[in-house]
Every structure is written in structure tokens, then in C-alpha cells.
PDB file of N, CA and C in Angstrom:
ATOM      1  N   MET A   1       0.835  -1.699   0.242  1.00  0.00           N
ATOM      2  CA  MET A   1      -0.171   0.298   0.235  1.00  0.00           C
ATOM      3  C   MET A   1       0.389   1.332   0.088  1.00  0.00           C
ATOM      4  N   ALA A   2       1.802   0.932   0.117  1.00  0.00           N
ATOM      5  CA  ALA A   2       3.222   2.226   0.037  1.00  0.00           C
ATOM      6  C   ALA A   2       2.821   2.713  -1.665  1.00  0.00           C
ATOM      7  N   ASP A   3       2.844   2.552  -1.928  1.00  0.00           N
ATOM      8  CA  ASP A   3       3.466   3.283  -3.316  1.00  0.00           C
ATOM      9  C   ASP A   3       2.104   3.332  -4.083  1.00  0.00           C
ATOM     10  N   ALA A   4       0.267   3.529  -3.195  1.00  0.00           N
ATOM     11  CA  ALA A   4      -0.326   3.687  -4.129  1.00  0.00           C
ATOM     12  C   ALA A   4      -0.515   5.204  -4.076  1.00  0.00           C
ATOM     13  N   GLY A   5       0.036   6.174  -3.123  1.00  0.00           N
ATOM     14  CA  GLY A   5      -0.354   7.115  -4.317  1.00  0.00           C
ATOM     15  C   GLY A   5       1.203   8.229  -5.006  1.00  0.00           C
ATOM     16  N   LYS A   6       1.508   7.323  -4.856  1.00  0.00           N
ATOM     17  CA  LYS A   6       2.887   7.544  -6.572  1.00  0.00           C
ATOM     18  C   LYS A   6       1.819   6.849  -8.084  1.00  0.00           C
ATOM     19  N   LYS A   7       2.746   7.599  -8.332  1.00  0.00           N
ATOM     20  CA  LYS A   7       1.840   7.771  -9.600  1.00  0.00           C
ATOM     21  C   LYS A   7       3.154   7.405 -10.480  1.00  0.00           C
ATOM     22  N   SER A   8       2.920   6.531 -11.420  1.00  0.00           N
ATOM     23  CA  SER A   8       4.040   5.689 -12.371  1.00  0.00           C
ATOM     24  C   SER A   8       4.738   7.028 -13.439  1.00  0.00           C
ATOM     25  N   LYS A   9       6.052   6.930 -13.949  1.00  0.00           N
ATOM     26  CA  LYS A   9       6.382   8.096 -15.045  1.00  0.00           C
ATOM     27  C   LYS A   9       6.286   7.540 -16.207  1.00  0.00           C
ATOM     28  N   ALA A  10       5.652   7.652 -16.701  1.00  0.00           N
ATOM     29  CA  ALA A  10       5.843   7.401 -18.302  1.00  0.00           C
ATOM     30  C   ALA A  10       7.791   7.356 -18.669  1.00  0.00           C
ATOM     31  N   THR A  11       7.793   6.378 -19.787  1.00  0.00           N
ATOM     32  CA  THR A  11       9.106   6.214 -19.536  1.00  0.00           C
ATOM     33  C   THR A  11       9.003   6.007 -21.534  1.00  0.00           C
ATOM     34  N   VAL A  12      10.081   6.219 -22.329  1.00  0.00           N
ATOM     35  CA  VAL A  12      10.494   6.210 -23.263  1.00  0.00           C
ATOM     36  C   VAL A  12      11.820   4.779 -23.761  1.00  0.00           C
ATOM     37  N   ARG A  13      11.900   4.457 -24.393  1.00  0.00           N
ATOM     38  CA  ARG A  13      12.710   3.221 -25.157  1.00  0.00           C
ATOM     39  C   ARG A  13      13.094   3.375 -26.400  1.00  0.00           C
ATOM     40  N   LEU A  14      14.673   4.254 -26.300  1.00  0.00           N
ATOM     41  CA  LEU A  14      15.593   4.351 -27.378  1.00  0.00           C
ATOM     42  C   LEU A  14      16.412   3.262 -27.860  1.00  0.00           C
ATOM     43  N   THR A  15      16.759   3.177 -28.941  1.00  0.00           N
ATOM     44  CA  THR A  15      17.494   1.771 -29.560  1.00  0.00           C
ATOM     45  C   THR A  15      18.589   3.543 -30.517  1.00  0.00           C
ATOM     46  N   GLN A  16      19.995   2.932 -30.184  1.00  0.00           N
ATOM     47  CA  GLN A  16      20.836   3.492 -31.836  1.00  0.00           C
ATOM     48  C   GLN A  16      20.989   2.754 -32.428  1.00  0.00           C
ATOM     49  N   THR A  17      20.379   3.998 -33.691  1.00  0.00           N
ATOM     50  CA  THR A  17      20.485   2.778 -35.163  1.00  0.00           C
ATOM     51  C   THR A  17      21.071   3.609 -35.702  1.00  0.00           C
ATOM     52  N   GLY A  18      21.299   4.511 -35.504  1.00  0.00           N
ATOM     53  CA  GLY A  18      22.897   5.297 -36.612  1.00  0.00           C
ATOM     54  C   GLY A  18      23.754   4.846 -36.010  1.00  0.00           C
ATOM     55  N   SER A  19      25.446   5.449 -36.576  1.00  0.00           N
ATOM     56  CA  SER A  19      26.343   5.688 -35.645  1.00  0.00           C
ATOM     57  C   SER A  19      26.752   7.344 -35.663  1.00  0.00           C
ATOM     58  N   PRO A  20      27.266   7.513 -34.314  1.00  0.00           N
ATOM     59  CA  PRO A  20      28.069   8.860 -35.287  1.00  0.00           C
ATOM     60  C   PRO A  20      29.204   9.261 -35.909  1.00  0.00           C
ATOM     61  N   ILE A  21      29.982   8.108 -35.974  1.00  0.00           N
ATOM     62  CA  ILE A  21      31.070   8.665 -36.989  1.00  0.00           C
ATOM     63  C   ILE A  21      30.631   9.185 -38.282  1.00  0.00           C
ATOM     64  N   GLY A  22      31.452  10.451 -38.025  1.00  0.00           N
ATOM     65  CA  GLY A  22      31.386  11.542 -39.211  1.00  0.00           C
ATOM     66  C   GLY A  22      30.361  12.480 -38.422  1.00  0.00           C
ATOM     67  N   ARG A  23      29.636  12.709 -37.672  1.00  0.00           N
ATOM     68  CA  ARG A  23      28.415  13.508 -36.965  1.00  0.00           C
ATOM     69  C   ARG A  23      29.261  14.791 -36.405  1.00  0.00           C
ATOM     70  N   PRO A  24      28.593  15.138 -36.197  1.00  0.00           N
ATOM     71  CA  PRO A  24      28.912  16.542 -35.607  1.00  0.00           C
ATOM     72  C   PRO A  24      29.128  16.510 -33.806  1.00  0.00           C
ATOM     73  N   GLN A  25      29.957  17.316 -33.160  1.00  0.00           N
ATOM     74  CA  GLN A  25      30.697  16.389 -32.240  1.00  0.00           C
ATOM     75  C   GLN A  25      29.878  17.305 -30.807  1.00  0.00           C
ATOM     76  N   ASP A  26      28.538  17.641 -31.329  1.00  0.00           N
ATOM     77  CA  ASP A  26      27.363  17.471 -30.827  1.00  0.00           C
ATOM     78  C   ASP A  26      26.079  17.130 -30.632  1.00  0.00           C
ATOM     79  N   GLN A  27      26.729  16.018 -31.723  1.00  0.00           N
ATOM     80  CA  GLN A  27      25.355  14.658 -31.277  1.00  0.00           C
ATOM     81  C   GLN A  27      25.945  13.173 -30.761  1.00  0.00           C
ATOM     82  N   ARG A  28      27.958  13.394 -31.453  1.00  0.00           N
ATOM     83  CA  ARG A  28      27.775  12.470 -30.101  1.00  0.00           C
ATOM     84  C   ARG A  28      27.396  12.964 -29.163  1.00  0.00           C
ATOM     85  N   GLN A  29      28.112  13.316 -28.100  1.00  0.00           N
ATOM     86  CA  GLN A  29      27.846  13.743 -26.930  1.00  0.00           C
ATOM     87  C   GLN A  29      26.460  13.933 -27.069  1.00  0.00           C
ATOM     88  N   THR A  30      25.413  13.749 -27.290  1.00  0.00           N
ATOM     89  CA  THR A  30      23.918  13.740 -27.472  1.00  0.00           C
ATOM     90  C   THR A  30      24.045  12.481 -26.306  1.00  0.00           C
ATOM     91  N   LEU A  31      23.959  11.927 -27.744  1.00  0.00           N
ATOM     92  CA  LEU A  31      24.089  10.218 -27.915  1.00  0.00           C
ATOM     93  C   LEU A  31      24.235   9.568 -26.782  1.00  0.00           C
ATOM     94  N   ILE A  32      25.809  10.749 -26.126  1.00  0.00           N
ATOM     95  CA  ILE A  32      26.549  10.074 -24.433  1.00  0.00           C
ATOM     96  C   ILE A  32      25.498   9.834 -23.772  1.00  0.00           C
ATOM     97  N   GLY A  33      25.140  11.525 -24.112  1.00  0.00           N
ATOM     98  CA  GLY A  33      24.135  11.785 -22.975  1.00  0.00           C
ATOM     99  C   GLY A  33      23.013  10.846 -22.200  1.00  0.00           C
ATOM    100  N   LEU A  34      22.397  10.775 -23.590  1.00  0.00           N
ATOM    101  CA  LEU A  34      21.638   9.236 -24.083  1.00  0.00           C
ATOM    102  C   LEU A  34      21.584   8.437 -22.779  1.00  0.00           C
ATOM    103  N   GLY A  35      23.038   7.772 -23.128  1.00  0.00           N
ATOM    104  CA  GLY A  35      23.077   6.956 -22.744  1.00  0.00           C
ATOM    105  C   GLY A  35      23.381   5.457 -23.701  1.00  0.00           C
ATOM    106  N   LEU A  36      23.906   6.437 -24.760  1.00  0.00           N
ATOM    107  CA  LEU A  36      24.310   5.431 -26.189  1.00  0.00           C
ATOM    108  C   LEU A  36      25.136   5.389 -26.826  1.00  0.00           C
ATOM    109  N   ASN A  37      25.950   4.939 -26.734  1.00  0.00           N
ATOM    110  CA  ASN A  37      27.930   5.299 -27.142  1.00  0.00           C
ATOM    111  C   ASN A  37      27.990   3.806 -28.153  1.00  0.00           C
ATOM    112  N   LYS A  38      26.612   2.425 -27.993  1.00  0.00           N
ATOM    113  CA  LYS A  38      27.257   1.990 -29.267  1.00  0.00           C
ATOM    114  C   LYS A  38      26.395   1.615 -30.086  1.00  0.00           C
ATOM    115  N   MET A  39      25.759   0.866 -31.547  1.00  0.00           N
ATOM    116  CA  MET A  39      24.786   0.492 -32.348  1.00  0.00           C
ATOM    117  C   MET A  39      24.141  -0.313 -32.214  1.00  0.00           C
ATOM    118  N   HIS A  40      22.465   0.109 -32.198  1.00  0.00           N
ATOM    119  CA  HIS A  40      21.865  -1.357 -31.510  1.00  0.00           C
ATOM    120  C   HIS A  40      21.164  -1.594 -29.947  1.00  0.00           C
ATOM    121  N   ARG A  41      22.194  -0.702 -28.899  1.00  0.00           N
ATOM    122  CA  ARG A  41      22.370  -1.002 -27.597  1.00  0.00           C
ATOM    123  C   ARG A  41      20.785  -0.030 -27.360  1.00  0.00           C
ATOM    124  N   SER A  42      19.791  -0.026 -26.103  1.00  0.00           N
ATOM    125  CA  SER A  42      18.356   0.531 -25.932  1.00  0.00           C
ATOM    126  C   SER A  42      18.672   1.008 -24.892  1.00  0.00           C
ATOM    127  N   VAL A  43      18.228   2.098 -24.898  1.00  0.00           N
ATOM    128  CA  VAL A  43      17.973   2.442 -22.457  1.00  0.00           C
ATOM    129  C   VAL A  43      16.645   1.792 -22.568  1.00  0.00           C
ATOM    130  N   GLU A  44      16.238   2.692 -21.616  1.00  0.00           N
ATOM    131  CA  GLU A  44      15.042   3.306 -21.498  1.00  0.00           C
ATOM    132  C   GLU A  44      15.068   4.481 -20.498  1.00  0.00           C
ATOM    133  N   LEU A  45      14.491   6.120 -20.391  1.00  0.00           N
ATOM    134  CA  LEU A  45      14.686   6.581 -19.970  1.00  0.00           C
ATOM    135  C   LEU A  45      13.487   7.672 -19.323  1.00  0.00           C
ATOM    136  N   GLU A  46      13.003   8.350 -18.579  1.00  0.00           N
ATOM    137  CA  GLU A  46      11.628   9.079 -17.961  1.00  0.00           C
ATOM    138  C   GLU A  46      11.868  10.331 -19.573  1.00  0.00           C
ATOM    139  N   ASP A  47      10.034  10.194 -19.732  1.00  0.00           N
ATOM    140  CA  ASP A  47       9.880  10.886 -20.995  1.00  0.00           C
ATOM    141  C   ASP A  47       9.737  12.396 -20.112  1.00  0.00           C
ATOM    142  N   SER A  48      11.031  12.975 -20.920  1.00  0.00           N
ATOM    143  CA  SER A  48      10.997  14.329 -20.296  1.00  0.00           C
ATOM    144  C   SER A  48      10.833  15.911 -20.700  1.00  0.00           C
ATOM    145  N   PRO A  49      10.754  16.875 -20.838  1.00  0.00           N
ATOM    146  CA  PRO A  49      10.550  17.557 -22.431  1.00  0.00           C
ATOM    147  C   PRO A  49      12.199  18.142 -23.008  1.00  0.00           C
ATOM    148  N   ALA A  50      13.452  17.370 -21.039  1.00  0.00           N
ATOM    149  CA  ALA A  50      14.724  17.637 -21.725  1.00  0.00           C
ATOM    150  C   ALA A  50      14.931  16.231 -22.504  1.00  0.00           C
ATOM    151  N   VAL A  51      14.308  15.288 -22.397  1.00  0.00           N
ATOM    152  CA  VAL A  51      15.115  14.226 -23.174  1.00  0.00           C
ATOM    153  C   VAL A  51      14.411  13.984 -24.129  1.00  0.00           C
ATOM    154  N   ARG A  52      13.040  14.955 -24.743  1.00  0.00           N
ATOM    155  CA  ARG A  52      12.555  15.253 -25.974  1.00  0.00           C
ATOM    156  C   ARG A  52      13.555  16.012 -26.365  1.00  0.00           C
ATOM    157  N   GLY A  53      13.841  16.419 -25.938  1.00  0.00           N
ATOM    158  CA  GLY A  53      15.280  17.747 -26.602  1.00  0.00           C
ATOM    159  C   GLY A  53      16.183  17.112 -27.418  1.00  0.00           C
ATOM    160  N   MET A  54      16.735  15.841 -26.382  1.00  0.00           N
ATOM    161  CA  MET A  54      18.195  15.612 -26.417  1.00  0.00           C
ATOM    162  C   MET A  54      17.507  14.621 -28.123  1.00  0.00           C
ATOM    163  N   ILE A  55      16.239  13.797 -28.262  1.00  0.00           N
ATOM    164  CA  ILE A  55      15.743  13.117 -28.789  1.00  0.00           C
ATOM    165  C   ILE A  55      15.806  13.748 -30.140  1.00  0.00           C
ATOM    166  N   ARG A  56      15.018  14.335 -30.472  1.00  0.00           N
ATOM    167  CA  ARG A  56      14.714  15.344 -31.520  1.00  0.00           C
ATOM    168  C   ARG A  56      16.050  15.743 -31.929  1.00  0.00           C
ATOM    169  N   LYS A  57      17.309  16.224 -31.497  1.00  0.00           N
ATOM    170  CA  LYS A  57      18.757  16.729 -31.838  1.00  0.00           C
ATOM    171  C   LYS A  57      19.552  15.410 -32.729  1.00  0.00           C
ATOM    172  N   VAL A  58      18.457  13.925 -31.986  1.00  0.00           N
ATOM    173  CA  VAL A  58      19.792  12.777 -32.799  1.00  0.00           C
ATOM    174  C   VAL A  58      17.706  12.618 -33.428  1.00  0.00           C
ATOM    175  N   ARG A  59      17.615  12.667 -33.738  1.00  0.00           N
ATOM    176  CA  ARG A  59      16.187  11.639 -34.021  1.00  0.00           C
ATOM    177  C   ARG A  59      16.887  10.544 -35.056  1.00  0.00           C
ATOM    178  N   HIS A  60      17.734  10.995 -36.184  1.00  0.00           N
ATOM    179  CA  HIS A  60      18.164  10.191 -37.326  1.00  0.00           C
ATOM    180  C   HIS A  60      19.243   9.082 -37.090  1.00  0.00           C
ATOM    181  N   LEU A  61      18.932   8.818 -35.897  1.00  0.00           N
ATOM    182  CA  LEU A  61      20.250   8.636 -34.756  1.00  0.00           C
ATOM    183  C   LEU A  61      19.928   6.797 -34.063  1.00  0.00           C
ATOM    184  N   VAL A  62      18.239   7.190 -33.721  1.00  0.00           N
ATOM    185  CA  VAL A  62      17.550   7.179 -33.234  1.00  0.00           C
ATOM    186  C   VAL A  62      16.073   5.437 -33.206  1.00  0.00           C
ATOM    187  N   ARG A  63      15.904   5.251 -32.794  1.00  0.00           N
ATOM    188  CA  ARG A  63      14.596   4.560 -33.043  1.00  0.00           C
ATOM    189  C   ARG A  63      13.783   5.015 -31.590  1.00  0.00           C
ATOM    190  N   VAL A  64      12.359   5.171 -31.694  1.00  0.00           N
ATOM    191  CA  VAL A  64      11.511   5.327 -30.336  1.00  0.00           C
ATOM    192  C   VAL A  64      10.609   4.787 -30.039  1.00  0.00           C
ATOM    193  N   ASP A  65      10.116   4.027 -29.847  1.00  0.00           N
ATOM    194  CA  ASP A  65       9.455   3.534 -28.331  1.00  0.00           C
ATOM    195  C   ASP A  65       9.070   4.021 -27.234  1.00  0.00           C
ATOM    196  N   ASN A  66       7.659   3.701 -27.367  1.00  0.00           N
ATOM    197  CA  ASN A  66       6.896   4.332 -26.552  1.00  0.00           C
ATOM    198  C   ASN A  66       6.536   2.855 -25.233  1.00  0.00           C
ATOM    199  N   ALA A  67       7.866   2.886 -24.056  1.00  0.00           N
ATOM    200  CA  ALA A  67       7.687   2.055 -23.331  1.00  0.00           C
ATOM    201  C   ALA A  67       6.856   1.926 -22.615  1.00  0.00           C
ATOM    202  N   GLY A  68       6.222   2.939 -21.367  1.00  0.00           N
ATOM    203  CA  GLY A  68       5.028   3.530 -21.186  1.00  0.00           C
ATOM    204  C   GLY A  68       4.704   4.465 -20.307  1.00  0.00           C
TER     205      GLY A  68
END
């Protein structure tokens, strides 16, 4: 019953599909900030405006799935 008052946070699942090789440094750093550093790796992050902005910056390098 301790969890009854808590709301579950929405999450988003990212999978890196593109290589950062030959990309600008800021895009490489954004991938690292999202927790992605190798091809086909996946992470699950809290869905927030900051994360959405980072995803938008590297949208051509990642696949986005709504995890919940």
C-alpha cells in the first residue's frame, strides 16, 4: 500500500540505429548523454521535455518506442 500514492512515470525506450562516425561533436555528446554509445544498444529513460529535446537532436540516429 506504500505505492498507492505514487504515480508511475512515463518512459521512452531508445535504440541507437545510426553511427555517430562523421557526425558533429554535439550529436555524439547527445548520444552519450542519452546513455547510448554503441550501435543497437537500448535504454529506457523517463519521458521529460529535456529528454525529448535530446531525442529530437539525434532523431536520425535513434529509434523511439513508448515503453509505458
